[in-house]
Amino acid sequence: MDEHDGNNPDESPETIGFDDDIESAYRQALEAIEGTDLLTAPAVSEPQEGEANSEESATGAATAVAATPARISAKQVIEAALFVGGTELTLKKLTSLLNDEYSADAIERMIEELNRQYATRGRAYLIDFGEGGYRMALRAQHEPIRHRVFGLGPKEVRLTQDALEVLALVAYRQPITRTVIEEHRDGSAGSILGSLVRRGLVNLQRDDSKTITYTTTNRFLEVFGLKSLKDLPQIERLEFK
């Protein structure tokens, strides 16, 4: 199947503002997410044999073509879903949003192309891959802007006791896997780790063997007033409930 966009506004940045165009694309793609039949524009019926080939018929056909909704590209649907969703989306979910018309490899290539476009245009965001799937994320160099908007310090970062326990394990045992974390405490740590990653306190890393490990971020140091991990309080062992 052709993976290229039908009407991709990103291909002509000189003729239309990217931000204005993407806002329009999001509105269209949100409709596509709810009813993905918009991905394929309806065909205009051909005149039946014997119909008069008059100027009126030609005018009617032109009107029908003009009324045909603009085709929404697969990349626009992916971009919109990640931009407004707020949660990680798996390849399976993205495939279903596209009516299973694209393979996982094709979707990954479209995401890579979107990230190249973001980098070329100096966008502050990118599509990042985490344990739970893909998400739209702010680039690390723009974190100070987030801090100015949302503030820093423990007062602004309200964490549950369970989240604090997981964060402490990551801080003192990093790099650490989810399995090791769950060996030290009761219950699953997946949702807690996901929340800490979204808050910018924990970073997810994947090595060559596809093993996922977690480490703390620079924001973690800033939030808790630390210059480096060497400033962490020294403890003999971590004990949790």
C-alpha atoms as a PDB file:
ATOM      1  CA  MET A   1       0.000   0.000   0.000  1.00  0.00           C
ATOM      2  CA  ASP A   2       1.263   3.506  -0.745  1.00  0.00           C
ATOM      3  CA  GLU A   3       2.633   5.039   2.426  1.00  0.00           C
ATOM      4  CA  HIS A   4       2.980   8.556   1.049  1.00  0.00           C
ATOM      5  CA  ASP A   5       0.570  11.276   2.070  1.00  0.00           C
ATOM      6  CA  GLY A   6      -2.115  12.453  -0.267  1.00  0.00           C
ATOM      7  CA  ASN A   7      -2.256  16.040   0.970  1.00  0.00           C
ATOM      8  CA  ASN A   8       0.682  16.451   3.309  1.00  0.00           C
ATOM      9  CA  PRO A   9       1.048  20.132   4.260  1.00  0.00           C
ATOM     10  CA  ASP A  10       4.477  19.498   5.701  1.00  0.00           C
ATOM     11  CA  GLU A  11       5.880  19.027   2.218  1.00  0.00           C
ATOM     12  CA  SER A  12       5.409  22.731   1.369  1.00  0.00           C
ATOM     13  CA  PRO A  13       6.321  24.756   4.478  1.00  0.00           C
ATOM     14  CA  GLU A  14       6.877  27.894   2.405  1.00  0.00           C
ATOM     15  CA  THR A  15       3.297  28.087   1.234  1.00  0.00           C
ATOM     16  CA  ILE A  16       1.496  27.637   4.535  1.00  0.00           C
ATOM     17  CA  GLY A  17       2.401  27.997   8.216  1.00  0.00           C
ATOM     18  CA  PHE A  18       3.080  24.650   9.835  1.00  0.00           C
ATOM     19  CA  ASP A  19       1.382  25.542  13.121  1.00  0.00           C
ATOM     20  CA  ASP A  20      -1.782  26.832  11.436  1.00  0.00           C
ATOM     21  CA  ASP A  21      -1.928  23.798   9.209  1.00  0.00           C
ATOM     22  CA  ILE A  22      -1.315  21.291  11.984  1.00  0.00           C
ATOM     23  CA  GLU A  23      -4.099  22.823  14.075  1.00  0.00           C
ATOM     24  CA  SER A  24      -6.468  22.218  11.185  1.00  0.00           C
ATOM     25  CA  ALA A  25      -5.070  18.734  10.694  1.00  0.00           C
ATOM     26  CA  TYR A  26      -5.670  17.895  14.333  1.00  0.00           C
ATOM     27  CA  ARG A  27      -9.319  18.918  14.089  1.00  0.00           C
ATOM     28  CA  GLN A  28      -9.766  16.744  11.026  1.00  0.00           C
ATOM     29  CA  ALA A  29      -7.806  13.829  12.404  1.00  0.00           C
ATOM     30  CA  LEU A  30      -9.750  13.811  15.651  1.00  0.00           C
ATOM     31  CA  GLU A  31     -12.840  13.200  13.572  1.00  0.00           C
ATOM     32  CA  ALA A  32     -10.921  10.479  11.779  1.00  0.00           C
ATOM     33  CA  ILE A  33     -10.091   8.800  15.080  1.00  0.00           C
ATOM     34  CA  GLU A  34     -13.781   8.598  15.940  1.00  0.00           C
ATOM     35  CA  GLY A  35     -14.782   7.567  12.430  1.00  0.00           C
ATOM     36  CA  THR A  36     -11.799   6.427  10.450  1.00  0.00           C
ATOM     37  CA  ASP A  37     -13.843   6.101   7.284  1.00  0.00           C
ATOM     38  CA  LEU A  38     -12.623   9.651   6.573  1.00  0.00           C
ATOM     39  CA  LEU A  39      -9.286   8.157   5.617  1.00  0.00           C
ATOM     40  CA  THR A  40     -10.742   7.117   2.304  1.00  0.00           C
ATOM     41  CA  ALA A  41     -12.595   9.787   0.415  1.00  0.00           C
ATOM     42  CA  PRO A  42     -15.895   8.546  -1.074  1.00  0.00           C
ATOM     43  CA  ALA A  43     -15.819   8.038  -4.805  1.00  0.00           C
ATOM     44  CA  VAL A  44     -18.032  10.069  -7.112  1.00  0.00           C
ATOM     45  CA  SER A  45     -20.481   7.846  -9.003  1.00  0.00           C
ATOM     46  CA  GLU A  46     -20.021   7.631 -12.742  1.00  0.00           C
ATOM     47  CA  PRO A  47     -22.976   8.666 -14.946  1.00  0.00           C
ATOM     48  CA  GLN A  48     -25.017   5.714 -16.182  1.00  0.00           C
ATOM     49  CA  GLU A  49     -25.134   4.820 -19.862  1.00  0.00           C
ATOM     50  CA  GLY A  50     -27.830   6.753 -21.632  1.00  0.00           C
ATOM     51  CA  GLU A  51     -27.698   9.792 -19.351  1.00  0.00           C
ATOM     52  CA  ALA A  52     -27.496  13.112 -21.118  1.00  0.00           C
ATOM     53  CA  ASN A  53     -23.972  14.452 -21.288  1.00  0.00           C
ATOM     54  CA  SER A  54     -25.194  17.990 -20.811  1.00  0.00           C
ATOM     55  CA  GLU A  55     -23.630  21.017 -19.225  1.00  0.00           C
ATOM     56  CA  GLU A  56     -25.987  20.485 -16.278  1.00  0.00           C
ATOM     57  CA  SER A  57     -24.592  16.972 -15.715  1.00  0.00           C
ATOM     58  CA  ALA A  58     -21.044  18.285 -15.858  1.00  0.00           C
ATOM     59  CA  THR A  59     -21.904  21.003 -13.356  1.00  0.00           C
ATOM     60  CA  GLY A  60     -23.477  18.432 -11.036  1.00  0.00           C
ATOM     61  CA  ALA A  61     -20.395  16.218 -11.190  1.00  0.00           C
ATOM     62  CA  ALA A  62     -18.144  19.176 -10.437  1.00  0.00           C
ATOM     63  CA  THR A  63     -20.291  20.040  -7.429  1.00  0.00           C
ATOM     64  CA  ALA A  64     -20.063  16.450  -6.170  1.00  0.00           C
ATOM     65  CA  VAL A  65     -16.278  16.510  -6.485  1.00  0.00           C
ATOM     66  CA  ALA A  66     -16.097  19.819  -4.637  1.00  0.00           C
ATOM     67  CA  ALA A  67     -18.243  18.386  -1.845  1.00  0.00           C
ATOM     68  CA  THR A  68     -15.932  15.393  -1.377  1.00  0.00           C
ATOM     69  CA  PRO A  69     -14.124  15.807   1.970  1.00  0.00           C
ATOM     70  CA  ALA A  70     -10.352  16.222   1.870  1.00  0.00           C
ATOM     71  CA  ARG A  71      -8.494  12.978   2.417  1.00  0.00           C
ATOM     72  CA  ILE A  72      -6.741  12.844   5.788  1.00  0.00           C
ATOM     73  CA  SER A  73      -3.295  11.307   5.655  1.00  0.00           C
ATOM     74  CA  ALA A  74      -2.216   8.443   7.873  1.00  0.00           C
ATOM     75  CA  LYS A  75       0.563  10.583   9.337  1.00  0.00           C
ATOM     76  CA  GLN A  76      -1.942  13.254  10.357  1.00  0.00           C
ATOM     77  CA  VAL A  77      -4.023  10.672  12.211  1.00  0.00           C
ATOM     78  CA  ILE A  78      -0.946   9.323  14.021  1.00  0.00           C
ATOM     79  CA  GLU A  79       0.242  12.821  14.905  1.00  0.00           C
ATOM     80  CA  ALA A  80      -3.150  13.962  16.158  1.00  0.00           C
ATOM     81  CA  ALA A  81      -3.746  10.844  18.241  1.00  0.00           C
ATOM     82  CA  LEU A  82      -0.387  11.215  19.984  1.00  0.00           C
ATOM     83  CA  PHE A  83      -0.709  14.980  20.374  1.00  0.00           C
ATOM     84  CA  VAL A  84      -4.096  15.035  22.083  1.00  0.00           C
ATOM     85  CA  GLY A  85      -4.184  11.590  23.670  1.00  0.00           C
ATOM     86  CA  GLY A  86      -1.914  12.291  26.636  1.00  0.00           C
ATOM     87  CA  THR A  87      -1.183   8.575  27.019  1.00  0.00           C
ATOM     88  CA  GLU A  88       1.169   6.144  25.337  1.00  0.00           C
ATOM     89  CA  LEU A  89      -0.232   4.392  22.276  1.00  0.00           C
ATOM     90  CA  THR A  90       0.947   0.988  21.107  1.00  0.00           C
ATOM     91  CA  LEU A  91       1.578   0.080  17.490  1.00  0.00           C
ATOM     92  CA  LYS A  92      -1.491  -2.150  17.670  1.00  0.00           C
ATOM     93  CA  LYS A  93      -3.648   0.809  18.730  1.00  0.00           C
ATOM     94  CA  LEU A  94      -2.236   3.069  16.020  1.00  0.00           C
ATOM     95  CA  THR A  95      -2.825   0.342  13.455  1.00  0.00           C
ATOM     96  CA  SER A  96      -6.454   0.027  14.522  1.00  0.00           C
ATOM     97  CA  LEU A  97      -6.923   3.805  14.197  1.00  0.00           C
ATOM     98  CA  LEU A  98      -5.873   3.413  10.576  1.00  0.00           C
ATOM     99  CA  ASN A  99      -8.370   0.605   9.911  1.00  0.00           C
ATOM    100  CA  ASP A 100      -5.516  -1.939   9.848  1.00  0.00           C
ATOM    101  CA  GLU A 101      -4.549  -0.609   6.413  1.00  0.00           C
ATOM    102  CA  TYR A 102      -0.889  -0.073   7.371  1.00  0.00           C
ATOM    103  CA  SER A 103       1.653  -2.510   8.775  1.00  0.00           C
ATOM    104  CA  ALA A 104       3.552  -1.897  12.003  1.00  0.00           C
ATOM    105  CA  ASP A 105       6.726  -1.291   9.973  1.00  0.00           C
ATOM    106  CA  ALA A 106       4.948   1.324   7.853  1.00  0.00           C
ATOM    107  CA  ILE A 107       3.702   3.135  10.958  1.00  0.00           C
ATOM    108  CA  GLU A 108       7.191   3.104  12.487  1.00  0.00           C
ATOM    109  CA  ARG A 109       8.578   4.631   9.285  1.00  0.00           C
ATOM    110  CA  MET A 110       5.918   7.369   9.371  1.00  0.00           C
ATOM    111  CA  ILE A 111       6.807   8.146  12.995  1.00  0.00           C
ATOM    112  CA  GLU A 112      10.494   8.346  12.061  1.00  0.00           C
ATOM    113  CA  GLU A 113       9.601  10.717   9.220  1.00  0.00           C
ATOM    114  CA  LEU A 114       7.563  12.913  11.572  1.00  0.00           C
ATOM    115  CA  ASN A 115      10.498  13.083  13.996  1.00  0.00           C
ATOM    116  CA  ARG A 116      12.832  14.079  11.150  1.00  0.00           C
ATOM    117  CA  GLN A 117      10.414  16.864  10.225  1.00  0.00           C
ATOM    118  CA  TYR A 118      10.243  18.042  13.841  1.00  0.00           C
ATOM    119  CA  ALA A 119      14.051  18.082  14.084  1.00  0.00           C
ATOM    120  CA  THR A 120      14.452  19.930  10.776  1.00  0.00           C
ATOM    121  CA  ARG A 121      11.978  22.611  11.852  1.00  0.00           C
ATOM    122  CA  GLY A 122      13.418  22.881  15.358  1.00  0.00           C
ATOM    123  CA  ARG A 123      10.231  21.756  17.109  1.00  0.00           C
ATOM    124  CA  ALA A 124      10.326  21.534  20.900  1.00  0.00           C
ATOM    125  CA  TYR A 125       8.705  18.111  20.861  1.00  0.00           C
ATOM    126  CA  LEU A 126       9.211  14.660  19.393  1.00  0.00           C
ATOM    127  CA  ILE A 127       7.478  11.289  19.308  1.00  0.00           C
ATOM    128  CA  ASP A 128       9.147   9.135  21.938  1.00  0.00           C
ATOM    129  CA  PHE A 129       8.886   5.375  22.482  1.00  0.00           C
ATOM    130  CA  GLY A 130       8.430   4.053  26.008  1.00  0.00           C
ATOM    131  CA  GLU A 131       7.513   0.811  27.697  1.00  0.00           C
ATOM    132  CA  GLY A 132       3.819   1.434  27.051  1.00  0.00           C
ATOM    133  CA  GLY A 133       4.142   2.616  23.465  1.00  0.00           C
ATOM    134  CA  TYR A 134       4.568   5.935  21.649  1.00  0.00           C
ATOM    135  CA  ARG A 135       3.864   9.370  23.109  1.00  0.00           C
ATOM    136  CA  MET A 136       4.456  13.020  22.271  1.00  0.00           C
ATOM    137  CA  ALA A 137       7.228  14.347  24.533  1.00  0.00           C
ATOM    138  CA  LEU A 138       9.073  17.601  25.184  1.00  0.00           C
ATOM    139  CA  ARG A 139      12.747  17.638  24.227  1.00  0.00           C
ATOM    140  CA  ALA A 140      15.095  17.580  27.214  1.00  0.00           C
ATOM    141  CA  GLN A 141      16.645  20.964  26.391  1.00  0.00           C
ATOM    142  CA  HIS A 142      13.248  22.621  26.788  1.00  0.00           C
ATOM    143  CA  GLU A 143      12.591  21.263  30.290  1.00  0.00           C
ATOM    144  CA  PRO A 144      13.513  24.644  31.904  1.00  0.00           C
ATOM    145  CA  ILE A 145      10.492  26.151  30.134  1.00  0.00           C
ATOM    146  CA  ARG A 146       8.257  23.458  31.604  1.00  0.00           C
ATOM    147  CA  HIS A 147       9.748  24.200  35.014  1.00  0.00           C
ATOM    148  CA  ARG A 148       8.994  27.914  34.717  1.00  0.00           C
ATOM    149  CA  VAL A 149       5.397  27.156  33.782  1.00  0.00           C
ATOM    150  CA  PHE A 150       4.622  24.378  36.251  1.00  0.00           C
ATOM    151  CA  GLY A 151       7.148  25.139  38.969  1.00  0.00           C
ATOM    152  CA  LEU A 152       9.713  23.019  40.770  1.00  0.00           C
ATOM    153  CA  GLY A 153      10.029  21.494  44.181  1.00  0.00           C
ATOM    154  CA  PRO A 154       8.261  18.765  46.159  1.00  0.00           C
ATOM    155  CA  LYS A 155       5.220  20.991  46.709  1.00  0.00           C
ATOM    156  CA  GLU A 156       4.553  20.982  42.980  1.00  0.00           C
ATOM    157  CA  VAL A 157       5.273  17.249  42.649  1.00  0.00           C
ATOM    158  CA  ARG A 158       2.671  15.446  44.683  1.00  0.00           C
ATOM    159  CA  LEU A 159       3.600  11.770  44.874  1.00  0.00           C
ATOM    160  CA  THR A 160       1.877   8.917  46.647  1.00  0.00           C
ATOM    161  CA  GLN A 161       3.770   6.783  49.133  1.00  0.00           C
ATOM    162  CA  ASP A 162       3.993   3.989  46.565  1.00  0.00           C
ATOM    163  CA  ALA A 163       5.408   6.392  43.969  1.00  0.00           C
ATOM    164  CA  LEU A 164       7.988   7.691  46.452  1.00  0.00           C
ATOM    165  CA  GLU A 165       9.064   4.129  47.211  1.00  0.00           C
ATOM    166  CA  VAL A 166       9.530   3.292  43.536  1.00  0.00           C
ATOM    167  CA  LEU A 167      11.351   6.580  42.941  1.00  0.00           C
ATOM    168  CA  ALA A 168      13.691   5.845  45.851  1.00  0.00           C
ATOM    169  CA  LEU A 169      14.486   2.411  44.427  1.00  0.00           C
ATOM    170  CA  VAL A 170      15.294   3.944  41.055  1.00  0.00           C
ATOM    171  CA  ALA A 171      17.430   6.667  42.642  1.00  0.00           C
ATOM    172  CA  TYR A 172      19.519   4.327  44.793  1.00  0.00           C
ATOM    173  CA  ARG A 173      19.720   1.262  42.529  1.00  0.00           C
ATOM    174  CA  GLN A 174      19.843   2.793  39.044  1.00  0.00           C
ATOM    175  CA  PRO A 175      19.956   1.562  36.409  1.00  0.00           C
ATOM    176  CA  ILE A 176      17.223  -0.787  37.569  1.00  0.00           C
ATOM    177  CA  THR A 177      14.655  -2.956  35.823  1.00  0.00           C
ATOM    178  CA  ARG A 178      10.974  -3.172  36.591  1.00  0.00           C
ATOM    179  CA  THR A 179      11.419  -6.802  37.659  1.00  0.00           C
ATOM    180  CA  VAL A 180      13.979  -5.886  40.314  1.00  0.00           C
ATOM    181  CA  ILE A 181      11.761  -3.065  41.560  1.00  0.00           C
ATOM    182  CA  GLU A 182       8.822  -5.421  41.958  1.00  0.00           C
ATOM    183  CA  GLU A 183      11.009  -7.905  43.837  1.00  0.00           C
ATOM    184  CA  HIS A 184      11.519  -5.280  46.539  1.00  0.00           C
ATOM    185  CA  ARG A 185       7.881  -4.301  46.994  1.00  0.00           C
ATOM    186  CA  ASP A 186       4.383  -5.737  46.752  1.00  0.00           C
ATOM    187  CA  GLY A 187       2.362  -5.290  43.573  1.00  0.00           C
ATOM    188  CA  SER A 188       3.025  -4.177  40.027  1.00  0.00           C
ATOM    189  CA  ALA A 189       5.162  -1.085  39.437  1.00  0.00           C
ATOM    190  CA  GLY A 190       4.280  -0.545  35.780  1.00  0.00           C
ATOM    191  CA  SER A 191       1.730   2.249  36.170  1.00  0.00           C
ATOM    192  CA  ILE A 192       3.835   4.003  38.811  1.00  0.00           C
ATOM    193  CA  LEU A 193       6.926   3.934  36.604  1.00  0.00           C
ATOM    194  CA  GLY A 194       4.868   5.268  33.711  1.00  0.00           C
ATOM    195  CA  SER A 195       3.662   8.156  35.874  1.00  0.00           C
ATOM    196  CA  LEU A 196       7.202   8.970  37.020  1.00  0.00           C
ATOM    197  CA  VAL A 197       8.405   8.953  33.402  1.00  0.00           C
ATOM    198  CA  ARG A 198       5.583  11.310  32.352  1.00  0.00           C
ATOM    199  CA  ARG A 199       6.422  13.649  35.236  1.00  0.00           C
ATOM    200  CA  GLY A 200       9.999  13.807  34.009  1.00  0.00           C
ATOM    201  CA  LEU A 201      11.464  12.329  37.201  1.00  0.00           C
ATOM    202  CA  VAL A 202      12.517   8.988  35.728  1.00  0.00           C
ATOM    203  CA  ASN A 203      14.033   8.144  32.364  1.00  0.00           C
ATOM    204  CA  LEU A 204      13.399   4.891  30.482  1.00  0.00           C
ATOM    205  CA  GLN A 205      16.303   3.361  28.585  1.00  0.00           C
ATOM    206  CA  ARG A 206      16.494   0.360  26.273  1.00  0.00           C
ATOM    207  CA  ASP A 207      19.814  -1.376  25.598  1.00  0.00           C
ATOM    208  CA  ASP A 208      20.885  -3.487  22.625  1.00  0.00           C
ATOM    209  CA  SER A 209      19.285  -6.584  24.139  1.00  0.00           C
ATOM    210  CA  LYS A 210      15.960  -4.701  24.424  1.00  0.00           C
ATOM    211  CA  THR A 211      16.188  -4.757  28.225  1.00  0.00           C
ATOM    212  CA  ILE A 212      14.392  -1.760  29.733  1.00  0.00           C
ATOM    213  CA  THR A 213      16.007  -0.004  32.682  1.00  0.00           C
ATOM    214  CA  TYR A 214      15.103   3.116  34.643  1.00  0.00           C
ATOM    215  CA  THR A 215      17.261   5.992  35.874  1.00  0.00           C
ATOM    216  CA  THR A 216      16.551   9.362  37.451  1.00  0.00           C
ATOM    217  CA  THR A 217      16.630  12.589  35.432  1.00  0.00           C
ATOM    218  CA  ASN A 218      18.087  16.054  35.882  1.00  0.00           C
ATOM    219  CA  ARG A 219      14.615  17.211  36.846  1.00  0.00           C
ATOM    220  CA  PHE A 220      14.659  14.716  39.725  1.00  0.00           C
ATOM    221  CA  LEU A 221      17.806  16.417  41.017  1.00  0.00           C
ATOM    222  CA  GLU A 222      16.270  19.875  40.627  1.00  0.00           C
ATOM    223  CA  VAL A 223      12.979  18.912  42.280  1.00  0.00           C
ATOM    224  CA  PHE A 224      14.708  17.520  45.352  1.00  0.00           C
ATOM    225  CA  GLY A 225      17.425  20.168  45.518  1.00  0.00           C
ATOM    226  CA  LEU A 226      20.354  17.897  44.644  1.00  0.00           C
ATOM    227  CA  LYS A 227      23.414  18.849  42.628  1.00  0.00           C
ATOM    228  CA  SER A 228      24.217  15.235  41.812  1.00  0.00           C
ATOM    229  CA  LEU A 229      23.327  11.714  42.872  1.00  0.00           C
ATOM    230  CA  LYS A 230      26.251  11.870  45.308  1.00  0.00           C
ATOM    231  CA  ASP A 231      24.115  14.234  47.379  1.00  0.00           C
ATOM    232  CA  LEU A 232      21.501  11.545  48.049  1.00  0.00           C
ATOM    233  CA  PRO A 233      21.188  10.751  51.769  1.00  0.00           C
ATOM    234  CA  GLN A 234      23.327   7.745  52.638  1.00  0.00           C
ATOM    235  CA  ILE A 235      21.318   4.743  53.809  1.00  0.00           C
ATOM    236  CA  GLU A 236      22.313   1.176  54.546  1.00  0.00           C
ATOM    237  CA  ARG A 237      19.259  -0.465  53.006  1.00  0.00           C
ATOM    238  CA  LEU A 238      15.872   0.342  51.585  1.00  0.00           C
ATOM    239  CA  GLU A 239      12.970  -1.043  53.549  1.00  0.00           C
ATOM    240  CA  PHE A 240       9.403  -0.787  52.299  1.00  0.00           C
ATOM    241  CA  LYS A 241       6.062  -1.983  53.534  1.00  0.00           C
END
